[in-house]
Protein backbone atom coordinates (compact mmCIF):
# COMPACT_ATOMS: atom_id res chain seq x y z
CA MET A 1 -19.95 78.65 40.24
CA PHE A 2 -22.79 81.09 40.60
CA ARG A 3 -26.08 80.46 42.33
CA LEU A 4 -29.42 81.09 40.65
CA PHE A 5 -31.83 82.46 43.24
CA ASP A 6 -35.07 83.54 41.57
CA PHE A 7 -36.48 83.12 38.11
CA LYS A 8 -38.85 85.93 37.15
CA PRO A 9 -40.47 84.91 33.84
CA GLY A 10 -42.30 88.22 33.35
CA ARG A 11 -39.09 90.25 33.14
CA LYS A 12 -36.85 90.80 30.12
CA GLY A 13 -33.39 89.46 29.39
CA LEU A 14 -31.02 89.04 32.30
CA GLY A 15 -33.67 90.63 34.52
CA LYS A 16 -35.31 87.20 34.60
CA VAL A 17 -32.60 86.03 37.01
CA LEU A 18 -30.85 89.20 38.17
CA GLY A 19 -32.04 92.52 39.47
CA ASP A 20 -32.08 95.38 36.97
CA LEU A 21 -28.91 96.97 38.36
CA GLU A 22 -27.14 93.61 38.64
CA ALA A 23 -27.96 92.96 34.98
CA GLU A 24 -26.60 96.37 33.96
CA VAL A 25 -23.42 95.85 35.97
CA MET A 26 -22.87 92.41 34.46
CA GLU A 27 -23.35 93.82 30.94
CA GLU A 28 -20.69 96.46 31.71
CA VAL A 29 -18.27 93.89 33.12
CA TRP A 30 -18.79 91.48 30.21
CA ALA A 31 -18.15 94.35 27.79
CA ARG A 32 -14.98 95.43 29.59
CA GLY A 33 -13.55 92.08 30.69
CA THR A 34 -11.45 93.21 33.65
CA CYS A 35 -12.44 96.42 35.40
CA THR A 36 -12.73 98.35 38.62
CA VAL A 37 -15.80 99.69 40.36
CA ARG A 38 -14.84 103.12 38.99
CA ASP A 39 -14.86 101.78 35.41
CA VAL A 40 -18.34 100.32 35.80
CA TYR A 41 -19.60 103.40 37.66
CA GLU A 42 -18.38 105.68 34.86
CA GLY A 43 -20.13 103.51 32.26
CA LEU A 44 -23.40 103.34 34.18
CA ARG A 45 -23.60 107.00 35.12
CA LEU A 46 -23.75 107.88 31.42
CA LYS A 47 -27.07 105.99 31.31
CA ARG A 48 -28.58 106.68 34.74
CA ARG A 49 -28.17 108.57 37.98
CA ILE A 50 -26.30 106.30 40.35
CA ALA A 51 -23.99 106.50 43.34
CA TYR A 52 -20.51 105.04 43.27
CA THR A 53 -21.23 103.18 46.52
CA THR A 54 -24.30 101.55 44.96
CA VAL A 55 -22.17 100.16 42.14
CA MET A 56 -19.53 99.03 44.66
CA THR A 57 -22.15 97.20 46.77
CA THR A 58 -23.74 95.60 43.70
CA MET A 59 -20.39 94.36 42.40
CA SER A 60 -19.51 92.98 45.82
CA ARG A 61 -22.81 91.09 45.93
CA LEU A 62 -22.27 89.73 42.41
CA ALA A 63 -18.86 88.48 43.57
CA ASP A 64 -20.51 86.85 46.61
CA LYS A 65 -22.98 85.15 44.25
CA GLY A 66 -20.09 83.83 42.17
CA LEU A 67 -20.78 85.86 39.03
CA LEU A 68 -17.70 88.08 39.44
CA VAL A 69 -14.17 87.24 40.50
CA ARG A 70 -12.61 89.89 42.74
CA ASP A 71 -8.84 90.33 43.01
CA ARG A 72 -7.05 92.92 45.12
CA ASP A 73 -4.83 95.36 43.21
CA GLY A 74 -3.23 97.61 45.80
CA ALA A 75 -6.00 99.42 47.65
CA ALA A 76 -8.65 98.64 45.02
CA PHE A 77 -10.36 95.54 43.75
CA VAL A 78 -10.29 94.47 40.13
CA TYR A 79 -13.28 92.46 38.92
CA ARG A 80 -13.81 90.09 36.03
CA PRO A 81 -16.69 87.83 35.08
CA SER A 82 -16.46 84.27 36.37
CA VAL A 83 -18.13 83.04 33.17
CA SER A 84 -18.85 84.46 29.72
CA LYS A 85 -22.29 85.83 28.99
CA ASP A 86 -23.02 82.82 26.75
CA GLU A 87 -21.96 80.37 29.47
CA PHE A 88 -24.08 82.24 32.01
CA ARG A 89 -27.11 81.99 29.72
CA ARG A 90 -26.49 78.26 29.16
CA ARG A 91 -26.20 77.58 32.89
CA VAL A 92 -29.33 79.56 33.70
CA ALA A 93 -31.25 77.76 30.96
CA SER A 94 -30.03 74.42 32.30
CA GLU A 95 -31.03 75.22 35.89
CA VAL A 96 -34.46 76.52 34.87
CA ILE A 97 -35.17 73.53 32.63
CA THR A 98 -34.01 71.08 35.29
CA ALA A 99 -36.24 72.72 37.89
CA ILE A 100 -39.27 72.71 35.56
CA LEU A 101 -38.71 69.11 34.46
CA ASP A 102 -38.51 68.06 38.09
CA GLY A 103 -42.07 69.18 38.75
CA PHE A 104 -43.75 69.32 35.34
CA GLY A 105 -41.86 66.87 33.09
CA LYS A 106 -44.45 65.66 30.57
CA GLU A 107 -46.50 68.84 30.72
CA PHE A 108 -43.41 70.97 30.15
CA VAL A 109 -42.20 68.98 27.14
CA SER A 110 -45.68 68.96 25.59
CA GLN A 111 -46.17 72.68 26.16
CA LEU A 112 -42.66 73.48 24.89
CA VAL A 113 -43.30 71.75 21.59
CA ARG A 114 -46.74 73.39 21.28
CA GLN A 115 -45.43 76.89 22.07
CA VAL A 116 -42.40 76.62 19.81
CA GLY A 117 -44.56 75.24 16.98
CA GLN A 118 -47.00 78.13 17.31
CA THR A 119 -44.41 80.88 17.48
CA ASP A 120 -41.35 79.85 15.48
CA SER A 121 -41.35 77.08 12.88
CA GLN A 122 -37.57 77.43 12.38
CA MET A 123 -36.99 76.85 16.07
CA LEU A 124 -39.25 73.79 15.95
CA GLU A 125 -37.07 72.39 13.15
CA GLU A 126 -33.97 73.16 15.22
CA LEU A 127 -35.54 71.32 18.16
CA GLU A 128 -36.18 68.31 15.90
CA ARG A 129 -32.56 68.41 14.68
CA ALA A 130 -31.23 68.66 18.23
CA ILE A 131 -33.32 65.66 19.32
CA ALA A 132 -32.15 63.62 16.34
CA GLU A 133 -28.51 64.56 16.99
CA TYR A 134 -28.83 63.68 20.66
CA LYS A 135 -30.31 60.26 19.78
CA LYS A 136 -27.41 59.58 17.37
CA GLN A 137 -24.86 60.36 20.08
CA LYS A 138 -26.42 57.98 22.62
């Protein structure tokens, strides 16, 4: 299980919960499945200037956070994601929503409906369907 440390709402995509390099590394690992530091380094260096040791340190930290699983293969480590990208996104969404509801329950729900209604009528309909489905299941 991974730990969510900071939520940065002003950033884009995975950068909301990971550093920029961590997000890039995770994207590489999700794309590859099982890989070595060298694999990820080779993929990243096509996009940016980066040191092998920086990638190695970042992957080690992601393993410490529980986002990567690290297995020894001879002298090297082989890494794989501990969860799929979709599962990661679901867990982050769940943790963020739980934290917001804990301090801003009614205000959050009210603002969520207002914001969704103003920006995406299809999403508002999906929210209505999800609520109705949840009520049926209870």
